[in-house]
Amino acid sequence: VAVEQTALEAIEDAGVTVDMSCEMGICGACLTPVIDGVPDHR
């Protein structure tokens, strides 16, 4: 995931589909389970 990319953009570029709606961090449609690592919640 590059600096100028969102994680969602990188995932989509890799051909993986994620449910999404607002793309602004409000609706929770794209909420994805994390197995390991620490997210930077925004």
PDB file of all heavy atoms in Angstrom:
ATOM      1  N   VAL A   1       0.866  -1.184   0.000  1.00  0.00           N
ATOM      2  CA  VAL A   1       0.000   0.000   0.000  1.00  0.00           C
ATOM      3  C   VAL A   1       0.900   1.232   0.000  1.00  0.00           C
ATOM      4  O   VAL A   1       1.635   1.478   0.960  1.00  0.00           O
ATOM      5  CB  VAL A   1      -0.932   0.025   1.226  1.00  0.00           C
ATOM      6  CG1 VAL A   1      -1.851   1.246   1.156  1.00  0.00           C
ATOM      7  CG2 VAL A   1      -1.752  -1.254   1.309  1.00  0.00           C
ATOM      8  N   ALA A   2       0.849   2.002  -1.086  1.00  0.00           N
ATOM      9  CA  ALA A   2       1.696   3.188  -1.212  1.00  0.00           C
ATOM     10  C   ALA A   2       1.159   4.336  -0.368  1.00  0.00           C
ATOM     11  O   ALA A   2       0.011   4.318   0.092  1.00  0.00           O
ATOM     12  CB  ALA A   2       1.778   3.599  -2.677  1.00  0.00           C
ATOM     13  N   VAL A   3       1.987   5.350  -0.183  1.00  0.00           N
ATOM     14  CA  VAL A   3       1.599   6.508   0.630  1.00  0.00           C
ATOM     15  C   VAL A   3       0.355   7.180   0.069  1.00  0.00           C
ATOM     16  O   VAL A   3      -0.537   7.596   0.815  1.00  0.00           O
ATOM     17  CB  VAL A   3       2.774   7.522   0.705  1.00  0.00           C
ATOM     18  CG1 VAL A   3       2.312   8.827   1.350  1.00  0.00           C
ATOM     19  CG2 VAL A   3       3.930   6.928   1.493  1.00  0.00           C
ATOM     20  N   GLU A   4       0.275   7.281  -1.255  1.00  0.00           N
ATOM     21  CA  GLU A   4      -0.824   8.007  -1.877  1.00  0.00           C
ATOM     22  C   GLU A   4      -2.065   7.140  -2.089  1.00  0.00           C
ATOM     23  O   GLU A   4      -3.074   7.615  -2.605  1.00  0.00           O
ATOM     24  CB  GLU A   4      -0.388   8.600  -3.217  1.00  0.00           C
ATOM     25  CG  GLU A   4      -0.079   7.580  -4.303  1.00  0.00           C
ATOM     26  CD  GLU A   4       1.338   7.014  -4.236  1.00  0.00           C
ATOM     27  OE1 GLU A   4       2.068   7.339  -3.266  1.00  0.00           O
ATOM     28  OE2 GLU A   4       1.702   6.259  -5.149  1.00  0.00           O
ATOM     29  N   GLN A   5      -2.008   5.870  -1.683  1.00  0.00           N
ATOM     30  CA  GLN A   5      -3.133   4.952  -1.834  1.00  0.00           C
ATOM     31  C   GLN A   5      -3.865   4.739  -0.521  1.00  0.00           C
ATOM     32  O   GLN A   5      -3.272   4.835   0.554  1.00  0.00           O
ATOM     33  CB  GLN A   5      -2.636   3.571  -2.282  1.00  0.00           C
ATOM     34  CG  GLN A   5      -2.433   3.351  -3.750  1.00  0.00           C
ATOM     35  CD  GLN A   5      -2.035   1.908  -3.996  1.00  0.00           C
ATOM     36  OE1 GLN A   5      -1.116   1.376  -3.352  1.00  0.00           O
ATOM     37  NE2 GLN A   5      -2.714   1.257  -4.926  1.00  0.00           N
ATOM     38  N   THR A   6      -5.150   4.389  -0.612  1.00  0.00           N
ATOM     39  CA  THR A   6      -5.834   3.830   0.547  1.00  0.00           C
ATOM     40  C   THR A   6      -5.671   2.315   0.494  1.00  0.00           C
ATOM     41  O   THR A   6      -5.383   1.741  -0.569  1.00  0.00           O
ATOM     42  CB  THR A   6      -7.330   4.174   0.554  1.00  0.00           C
ATOM     43  OG1 THR A   6      -7.964   3.518  -0.560  1.00  0.00           O
ATOM     44  CG2 THR A   6      -7.548   5.678   0.470  1.00  0.00           C
ATOM     45  N   ALA A   7      -5.847   1.676   1.630  1.00  0.00           N
ATOM     46  CA  ALA A   7      -5.790   0.213   1.658  1.00  0.00           C
ATOM     47  C   ALA A   7      -6.849  -0.377   0.726  1.00  0.00           C
ATOM     48  O   ALA A   7      -6.609  -1.374   0.040  1.00  0.00           O
ATOM     49  CB  ALA A   7      -5.979  -0.290   3.085  1.00  0.00           C
ATOM     50  N   LEU A   8      -8.018   0.246   0.691  1.00  0.00           N
ATOM     51  CA  LEU A   8      -9.100  -0.240  -0.165  1.00  0.00           C
ATOM     52  C   LEU A   8      -8.719  -0.172  -1.637  1.00  0.00           C
ATOM     53  O   LEU A   8      -8.971  -1.111  -2.402  1.00  0.00           O
ATOM     54  CB  LEU A   8     -10.372   0.577   0.089  1.00  0.00           C
ATOM     55  CG  LEU A   8     -11.620   0.164  -0.688  1.00  0.00           C
ATOM     56  CD1 LEU A   8     -12.023  -1.263  -0.361  1.00  0.00           C
ATOM     57  CD2 LEU A   8     -12.771   1.123  -0.387  1.00  0.00           C
ATOM     58  N   GLU A   9      -8.081   0.912  -2.043  1.00  0.00           N
ATOM     59  CA  GLU A   9      -7.651   1.042  -3.435  1.00  0.00           C
ATOM     60  C   GLU A   9      -6.637  -0.034  -3.790  1.00  0.00           C
ATOM     61  O   GLU A   9      -6.693  -0.621  -4.874  1.00  0.00           O
ATOM     62  CB  GLU A   9      -7.061   2.433  -3.664  1.00  0.00           C
ATOM     63  CG  GLU A   9      -8.100   3.551  -3.660  1.00  0.00           C
ATOM     64  CD  GLU A   9      -7.480   4.929  -3.646  1.00  0.00           C
ATOM     65  OE1 GLU A   9      -6.283   5.055  -3.293  1.00  0.00           O
ATOM     66  OE2 GLU A   9      -8.184   5.895  -3.974  1.00  0.00           O
ATOM     67  N   ALA A  10      -5.714  -0.307  -2.875  1.00  0.00           N
ATOM     68  CA  ALA A  10      -4.695  -1.323  -3.127  1.00  0.00           C
ATOM     69  C   ALA A  10      -5.323  -2.712  -3.242  1.00  0.00           C
ATOM     70  O   ALA A  10      -4.942  -3.513  -4.096  1.00  0.00           O
ATOM     71  CB  ALA A  10      -3.652  -1.301  -2.018  1.00  0.00           C
ATOM     72  N   ILE A  11      -6.304  -2.978  -2.377  1.00  0.00           N
ATOM     73  CA  ILE A  11      -6.995  -4.280  -2.415  1.00  0.00           C
ATOM     74  C   ILE A  11      -7.747  -4.440  -3.733  1.00  0.00           C
ATOM     75  O   ILE A  11      -7.701  -5.490  -4.375  1.00  0.00           O
ATOM     76  CB  ILE A  11      -7.961  -4.399  -1.212  1.00  0.00           C
ATOM     77  CG1 ILE A  11      -7.171  -4.467   0.098  1.00  0.00           C
ATOM     78  CG2 ILE A  11      -8.855  -5.628  -1.360  1.00  0.00           C
ATOM     79  CD1 ILE A  11      -8.030  -4.298   1.343  1.00  0.00           C
ATOM     80  N   GLU A  12      -8.441  -3.394  -4.152  1.00  0.00           N
ATOM     81  CA  GLU A  12      -9.185  -3.459  -5.409  1.00  0.00           C
ATOM     82  C   GLU A  12      -8.250  -3.608  -6.607  1.00  0.00           C
ATOM     83  O   GLU A  12      -8.552  -4.323  -7.560  1.00  0.00           O
ATOM     84  CB  GLU A  12     -10.060  -2.214  -5.558  1.00  0.00           C
ATOM     85  CG  GLU A  12     -11.233  -2.190  -4.594  1.00  0.00           C
ATOM     86  CD  GLU A  12     -12.145  -1.009  -4.843  1.00  0.00           C
ATOM     87  OE1 GLU A  12     -11.620   0.083  -5.169  1.00  0.00           O
ATOM     88  OE2 GLU A  12     -13.368  -1.164  -4.708  1.00  0.00           O
ATOM     89  N   ASP A  13      -7.103  -2.915  -6.569  1.00  0.00           N
ATOM     90  CA  ASP A  13      -6.129  -3.022  -7.659  1.00  0.00           C
ATOM     91  C   ASP A  13      -5.607  -4.454  -7.792  1.00  0.00           C
ATOM     92  O   ASP A  13      -5.198  -4.881  -8.880  1.00  0.00           O
ATOM     93  CB  ASP A  13      -4.952  -2.068  -7.431  1.00  0.00           C
ATOM     94  CG  ASP A  13      -5.333  -0.608  -7.673  1.00  0.00           C
ATOM     95  OD1 ASP A  13      -6.424  -0.369  -8.241  1.00  0.00           O
ATOM     96  OD2 ASP A  13      -4.563   0.278  -7.282  1.00  0.00           O
ATOM     97  N   ALA A  14      -5.632  -5.191  -6.664  1.00  0.00           N
ATOM     98  CA  ALA A  14      -5.170  -6.581  -6.683  1.00  0.00           C
ATOM     99  C   ALA A  14      -6.269  -7.530  -7.147  1.00  0.00           C
ATOM    100  O   ALA A  14      -6.065  -8.746  -7.209  1.00  0.00           O
ATOM    101  CB  ALA A  14      -4.679  -6.986  -5.296  1.00  0.00           C
ATOM    102  N   GLY A  15      -7.449  -6.995  -7.459  1.00  0.00           N
ATOM    103  CA  GLY A  15      -8.535  -7.813  -7.992  1.00  0.00           C
ATOM    104  C   GLY A  15      -9.439  -8.432  -6.953  1.00  0.00           C
ATOM    105  O   GLY A  15     -10.233  -9.328  -7.259  1.00  0.00           O
ATOM    106  N   VAL A  16      -9.359  -7.950  -5.711  1.00  0.00           N
ATOM    107  CA  VAL A  16     -10.195  -8.476  -4.631  1.00  0.00           C
ATOM    108  C   VAL A  16     -11.314  -7.479  -4.349  1.00  0.00           C
ATOM    109  O   VAL A  16     -11.072  -6.278  -4.191  1.00  0.00           O
ATOM    110  CB  VAL A  16      -9.376  -8.729  -3.347  1.00  0.00           C
ATOM    111  CG1 VAL A  16     -10.276  -9.225  -2.222  1.00  0.00           C
ATOM    112  CG2 VAL A  16      -8.263  -9.737  -3.624  1.00  0.00           C
ATOM    113  N   THR A  17     -12.533  -7.973  -4.294  1.00  0.00           N
ATOM    114  CA  THR A  17     -13.697  -7.115  -4.082  1.00  0.00           C
ATOM    115  C   THR A  17     -14.030  -7.003  -2.601  1.00  0.00           C
ATOM    116  O   THR A  17     -14.080  -8.004  -1.884  1.00  0.00           O
ATOM    117  CB  THR A  17     -14.926  -7.656  -4.832  1.00  0.00           C
ATOM    118  OG1 THR A  17     -14.621  -7.729  -6.230  1.00  0.00           O
ATOM    119  CG2 THR A  17     -16.134  -6.759  -4.630  1.00  0.00           C
ATOM    120  N   VAL A  18     -14.250  -5.785  -2.147  1.00  0.00           N
ATOM    121  CA  VAL A  18     -14.648  -5.513  -0.763  1.00  0.00           C
ATOM    122  C   VAL A  18     -15.948  -4.724  -0.796  1.00  0.00           C
ATOM    123  O   VAL A  18     -16.083  -3.778  -1.590  1.00  0.00           O
ATOM    124  CB  VAL A  18     -13.566  -4.698  -0.013  1.00  0.00           C
ATOM    125  CG1 VAL A  18     -14.018  -4.386   1.410  1.00  0.00           C
ATOM    126  CG2 VAL A  18     -12.249  -5.444   0.007  1.00  0.00           C
ATOM    127  N   ASP A  19     -16.921  -5.103   0.028  1.00  0.00           N
ATOM    128  CA  ASP A  19     -18.137  -4.307   0.139  1.00  0.00           C
ATOM    129  C   ASP A  19     -17.763  -2.901   0.583  1.00  0.00           C
ATOM    130  O   ASP A  19     -16.958  -2.728   1.501  1.00  0.00           O
ATOM    131  CB  ASP A  19     -19.097  -4.917   1.165  1.00  0.00           C
ATOM    132  CG  ASP A  19     -19.769  -6.175   0.640  1.00  0.00           C
ATOM    133  OD1 ASP A  19     -19.804  -6.354  -0.586  1.00  0.00           O
ATOM    134  OD2 ASP A  19     -20.236  -6.982   1.470  1.00  0.00           O
ATOM    135  N   MET A  20     -18.344  -1.913  -0.060  1.00  0.00           N
ATOM    136  CA  MET A  20     -18.041  -0.539   0.335  1.00  0.00           C
ATOM    137  C   MET A  20     -19.238   0.334   0.044  1.00  0.00           C
ATOM    138  O   MET A  20     -20.137  -0.043  -0.712  1.00  0.00           O
ATOM    139  CB  MET A  20     -16.814  -0.016  -0.403  1.00  0.00           C
ATOM    140  CG  MET A  20     -16.983   0.080  -1.913  1.00  0.00           C
ATOM    141  SD  MET A  20     -15.566   0.852  -2.681  1.00  0.00           S
ATOM    142  CE  MET A  20     -16.086   0.812  -4.406  1.00  0.00           C
ATOM    143  N   SER A  21     -19.246   1.514   0.645  1.00  0.00           N
ATOM    144  CA  SER A  21     -20.346   2.436   0.410  1.00  0.00           C
ATOM    145  C   SER A  21     -19.849   3.874   0.441  1.00  0.00           C
ATOM    146  O   SER A  21     -19.619   4.478  -0.587  1.00  0.00           O
ATOM    147  CB  SER A  21     -21.446   2.212   1.450  1.00  0.00           C
ATOM    148  OG  SER A  21     -22.531   3.061   1.207  1.00  0.00           O
ATOM    149  N   CYS A  22     -19.591   4.412   1.633  1.00  0.00           N
ATOM    150  CA  CYS A  22     -19.307   5.843   1.738  1.00  0.00           C
ATOM    151  C   CYS A  22     -17.883   6.208   1.331  1.00  0.00           C
ATOM    152  O   CYS A  22     -17.629   7.314   0.884  1.00  0.00           O
ATOM    153  CB  CYS A  22     -19.564   6.332   3.156  1.00  0.00           C
ATOM    154  SG  CYS A  22     -18.335   5.777   4.376  1.00  0.00           S
ATOM    155  N   GLU A  23     -16.915   5.273   1.512  1.00  0.00           N
ATOM    156  CA  GLU A  23     -15.495   5.508   1.246  1.00  0.00           C
ATOM    157  C   GLU A  23     -14.928   6.649   2.088  1.00  0.00           C
ATOM    158  O   GLU A  23     -13.903   7.240   1.742  1.00  0.00           O
ATOM    159  CB  GLU A  23     -15.253   5.786  -0.235  1.00  0.00           C
ATOM    160  CG  GLU A  23     -15.662   4.647  -1.157  1.00  0.00           C
ATOM    161  CD  GLU A  23     -15.396   4.950  -2.614  1.00  0.00           C
ATOM    162  OE1 GLU A  23     -14.210   5.030  -2.979  1.00  0.00           O
ATOM    163  OE2 GLU A  23     -16.367   5.125  -3.361  1.00  0.00           O
ATOM    164  N   MET A  24     -15.571   6.957   3.209  1.00  0.00           N
ATOM    165  CA  MET A  24     -15.128   8.058   4.062  1.00  0.00           C
ATOM    166  C   MET A  24     -15.007   7.658   5.525  1.00  0.00           C
ATOM    167  O   MET A  24     -14.789   8.504   6.381  1.00  0.00           O
ATOM    168  CB  MET A  24     -16.093   9.250   3.938  1.00  0.00           C
ATOM    169  CG  MET A  24     -16.119   9.882   2.569  1.00  0.00           C
ATOM    170  SD  MET A  24     -17.189  11.343   2.491  1.00  0.00           S
ATOM    171  CE  MET A  24     -18.816  10.590   2.603  1.00  0.00           C
ATOM    172  N   GLY A  25     -15.185   6.366   5.834  1.00  0.00           N
ATOM    173  CA  GLY A  25     -15.026   5.933   7.211  1.00  0.00           C
ATOM    174  C   GLY A  25     -16.211   6.193   8.102  1.00  0.00           C
ATOM    175  O   GLY A  25     -16.056   6.304   9.316  1.00  0.00           O
ATOM    176  N   ILE A  26     -17.394   6.271   7.511  1.00  0.00           N
ATOM    177  CA  ILE A  26     -18.592   6.563   8.303  1.00  0.00           C
ATOM    178  C   ILE A  26     -19.505   5.364   8.435  1.00  0.00           C
ATOM    179  O   ILE A  26     -20.008   5.066   9.510  1.00  0.00           O
ATOM    180  CB  ILE A  26     -19.396   7.718   7.658  1.00  0.00           C
ATOM    181  CG1 ILE A  26     -18.539   8.972   7.563  1.00  0.00           C
ATOM    182  CG2 ILE A  26     -20.665   8.012   8.458  1.00  0.00           C
ATOM    183  CD1 ILE A  26     -19.171  10.061   6.739  1.00  0.00           C
ATOM    184  N   CYS A  27     -19.733   4.656   7.325  1.00  0.00           N
ATOM    185  CA  CYS A  27     -20.828   3.678   7.295  1.00  0.00           C
ATOM    186  C   CYS A  27     -20.464   2.290   7.808  1.00  0.00           C
ATOM    187  O   CYS A  27     -21.326   1.534   8.233  1.00  0.00           O
ATOM    188  CB  CYS A  27     -21.376   3.566   5.884  1.00  0.00           C
ATOM    189  SG  CYS A  27     -20.254   2.747   4.714  1.00  0.00           S
ATOM    190  N   GLY A  28     -19.185   1.902   7.761  1.00  0.00           N
ATOM    191  CA  GLY A  28     -18.780   0.578   8.227  1.00  0.00           C
ATOM    192  C   GLY A  28     -18.984  -0.527   7.224  1.00  0.00           C
ATOM    193  O   GLY A  28     -18.749  -1.698   7.537  1.00  0.00           O
ATOM    194  N   ALA A  29     -19.413  -0.215   5.995  1.00  0.00           N
ATOM    195  CA  ALA A  29     -19.681  -1.262   5.010  1.00  0.00           C
ATOM    196  C   ALA A  29     -18.436  -2.071   4.670  1.00  0.00           C
ATOM    197  O   ALA A  29     -18.508  -3.268   4.407  1.00  0.00           O
ATOM    198  CB  ALA A  29     -20.266  -0.648   3.738  1.00  0.00           C
ATOM    199  N   CYS A  30     -17.267  -1.433   4.679  1.00  0.00           N
ATOM    200  CA  CYS A  30     -16.033  -2.121   4.289  1.00  0.00           C
ATOM    201  C   CYS A  30     -15.286  -2.723   5.477  1.00  0.00           C
ATOM    202  O   CYS A  30     -14.145  -3.182   5.328  1.00  0.00           O
ATOM    203  CB  CYS A  30     -15.114  -1.174   3.520  1.00  0.00           C
ATOM    204  SG  CYS A  30     -14.452   0.190   4.520  1.00  0.00           S
ATOM    205  N   LEU A  31     -15.892  -2.728   6.661  1.00  0.00           N
ATOM    206  CA  LEU A  31     -15.226  -3.208   7.873  1.00  0.00           C
ATOM    207  C   LEU A  31     -14.657  -4.617   7.650  1.00  0.00           C
ATOM    208  O   LEU A  31     -15.371  -5.522   7.221  1.00  0.00           O
ATOM    209  CB  LEU A  31     -16.226  -3.227   9.031  1.00  0.00           C
ATOM    210  CG  LEU A  31     -15.654  -3.287  10.443  1.00  0.00           C
ATOM    211  CD1 LEU A  31     -14.816  -2.052  10.740  1.00  0.00           C
ATOM    212  CD2 LEU A  31     -16.791  -3.395  11.455  1.00  0.00           C
ATOM    213  N   THR A  32     -13.372  -4.785   7.930  1.00  0.00           N
ATOM    214  CA  THR A  32     -12.657  -6.024   7.615  1.00  0.00           C
ATOM    215  C   THR A  32     -11.934  -6.549   8.850  1.00  0.00           C
ATOM    216  O   THR A  32     -11.266  -5.779   9.547  1.00  0.00           O
ATOM    217  CB  THR A  32     -11.626  -5.755   6.498  1.00  0.00           C
ATOM    218  OG1 THR A  32     -12.302  -5.225   5.351  1.00  0.00           O
ATOM    219  CG2 THR A  32     -10.884  -7.027   6.116  1.00  0.00           C
ATOM    220  N   PRO A  33     -12.028  -7.862   9.149  1.00  0.00           N
ATOM    221  CA  PRO A  33     -11.334  -8.426  10.312  1.00  0.00           C
ATOM    222  C   PRO A  33      -9.813  -8.339  10.160  1.00  0.00           C
ATOM    223  O   PRO A  33      -9.269  -8.542   9.072  1.00  0.00           O
ATOM    224  CB  PRO A  33     -11.799  -9.888  10.330  1.00  0.00           C
ATOM    225  CG  PRO A  33     -13.071  -9.895   9.542  1.00  0.00           C
ATOM    226  CD  PRO A  33     -12.897  -8.854   8.484  1.00  0.00           C
ATOM    227  N   VAL A  34      -9.150  -8.027  11.257  1.00  0.00           N
ATOM    228  CA  VAL A  34      -7.686  -7.974  11.304  1.00  0.00           C
ATOM    229  C   VAL A  34      -7.183  -9.172  12.095  1.00  0.00           C
ATOM    230  O   VAL A  34      -7.619  -9.413  13.224  1.00  0.00           O
ATOM    231  CB  VAL A  34      -7.193  -6.660  11.955  1.00  0.00           C
ATOM    232  CG1 VAL A  34      -5.682  -6.697  12.175  1.00  0.00           C
ATOM    233  CG2 VAL A  34      -7.572  -5.475  11.083  1.00  0.00           C
ATOM    234  N   ILE A  35      -6.248  -9.929  11.516  1.00  0.00           N
ATOM    235  CA  ILE A  35      -5.707 -11.123  12.168  1.00  0.00           C
ATOM    236  C   ILE A  35      -4.446 -10.794  12.950  1.00  0.00           C
ATOM    237  O   ILE A  35      -4.237 -11.274  14.062  1.00  0.00           O
ATOM    238  CB  ILE A  35      -5.414 -12.207  11.111  1.00  0.00           C
ATOM    239  CG1 ILE A  35      -6.723 -12.637  10.435  1.00  0.00           C
ATOM    240  CG2 ILE A  35      -4.732 -13.423  11.747  1.00  0.00           C
ATOM    241  CD1 ILE A  35      -6.518 -13.531   9.227  1.00  0.00           C
ATOM    242  N   ASP A  36      -3.606  -9.927  12.383  1.00  0.00           N
ATOM    243  CA  ASP A  36      -2.362  -9.563  13.068  1.00  0.00           C
ATOM    244  C   ASP A  36      -1.922  -8.182  12.600  1.00  0.00           C
ATOM    245  O   ASP A  36      -2.190  -7.773  11.463  1.00  0.00           O
ATOM    246  CB  ASP A  36      -1.267 -10.599  12.777  1.00  0.00           C
ATOM    247  CG  ASP A  36      -0.054 -10.417  13.684  1.00  0.00           C
ATOM    248  OD1 ASP A  36      -0.253 -10.265  14.899  1.00  0.00           O
ATOM    249  OD2 ASP A  36       1.076 -10.416  13.170  1.00  0.00           O
ATOM    250  N   GLY A  37      -1.246  -7.460  13.485  1.00  0.00           N
ATOM    251  CA  GLY A  37      -0.835  -6.102  13.195  1.00  0.00           C
ATOM    252  C   GLY A  37      -1.722  -5.102  13.907  1.00  0.00           C
ATOM    253  O   GLY A  37      -2.742  -5.463  14.498  1.00  0.00           O
ATOM    254  N   VAL A  38      -1.305  -3.843  13.869  1.00  0.00           N
ATOM    255  CA  VAL A  38      -2.045  -2.786  14.574  1.00  0.00           C
ATOM    256  C   VAL A  38      -2.542  -1.757  13.569  1.00  0.00           C
ATOM    257  O   VAL A  38      -1.736  -1.047  12.946  1.00  0.00           O
ATOM    258  CB  VAL A  38      -1.154  -2.097  15.631  1.00  0.00           C
ATOM    259  CG1 VAL A  38      -1.950  -1.021  16.367  1.00  0.00           C
ATOM    260  CG2 VAL A  38      -0.590  -3.118  16.609  1.00  0.00           C
ATOM    261  N   PRO A  39      -3.859  -1.655  13.385  1.00  0.00           N
ATOM    262  CA  PRO A  39      -4.400  -0.666  12.444  1.00  0.00           C
ATOM    263  C   PRO A  39      -4.219   0.766  12.954  1.00  0.00           C
ATOM    264  O   PRO A  39      -4.163   1.015  14.168  1.00  0.00           O
ATOM    265  CB  PRO A  39      -5.895  -1.015  12.374  1.00  0.00           C
ATOM    266  CG  PRO A  39      -6.023  -2.376  12.978  1.00  0.00           C
ATOM    267  CD  PRO A  39      -4.915  -2.494  13.967  1.00  0.00           C
ATOM    268  N   ASP A  40      -4.125   1.683  12.028  1.00  0.00           N
ATOM    269  CA  ASP A  40      -4.161   3.114  12.332  1.00  0.00           C
ATOM    270  C   ASP A  40      -5.587   3.568  12.035  1.00  0.00           C
ATOM    271  O   ASP A  40      -5.923   3.940  10.919  1.00  0.00           O
ATOM    272  CB  ASP A  40      -3.151   3.849  11.452  1.00  0.00           C
ATOM    273  CG  ASP A  40      -3.128   5.356  11.712  1.00  0.00           C
ATOM    274  OD1 ASP A  40      -3.830   5.808  12.641  1.00  0.00           O
ATOM    275  OD2 ASP A  40      -2.427   6.073  10.981  1.00  0.00           O
ATOM    276  N   HIS A  41      -6.439   3.512  13.045  1.00  0.00           N
ATOM    277  CA  HIS A  41      -7.870   3.769  12.858  1.00  0.00           C
ATOM    278  C   HIS A  41      -8.123   5.245  12.554  1.00  0.00           C
ATOM    279  O   HIS A  41      -7.767   6.123  13.335  1.00  0.00           O
ATOM    280  CB  HIS A  41      -8.651   3.373  14.112  1.00  0.00           C
ATOM    281  CG  HIS A  41      -8.570   1.918  14.430  1.00  0.00           C
ATOM    282  ND1 HIS A  41      -9.206   0.950  13.691  1.00  0.00           N
ATOM    283  CD2 HIS A  41      -7.913   1.251  15.430  1.00  0.00           C
ATOM    284  CE1 HIS A  41      -8.963  -0.245  14.203  1.00  0.00           C
ATOM    285  NE2 HIS A  41      -8.184  -0.085  15.256  1.00  0.00           N
ATOM    286  N   ARG A  42      -8.793   5.506  11.424  1.00  0.00           N
ATOM    287  CA  ARG A  42      -9.101   6.884  11.030  1.00  0.00           C
ATOM    288  C   ARG A  42     -10.575   7.067  10.696  1.00  0.00           C
ATOM    289  O   ARG A  42     -10.963   8.031  10.050  1.00  0.00           O
ATOM    290  CB  ARG A  42      -8.239   7.290   9.830  1.00  0.00           C
ATOM    291  CG  ARG A  42      -6.743   7.175  10.108  1.00  0.00           C
ATOM    292  CD  ARG A  42      -5.915   7.679   8.956  1.00  0.00           C
ATOM    293  NE  ARG A  42      -4.491   7.551   9.243  1.00  0.00           N
ATOM    294  CZ  ARG A  42      -3.528   8.036   8.467  1.00  0.00           C
ATOM    295  NH1 ARG A  42      -3.852   8.690   7.360  1.00  0.00           N
ATOM    296  NH2 ARG A  42      -2.264   7.870   8.785  1.00  0.00           N
TER     297      ARG A  42
END
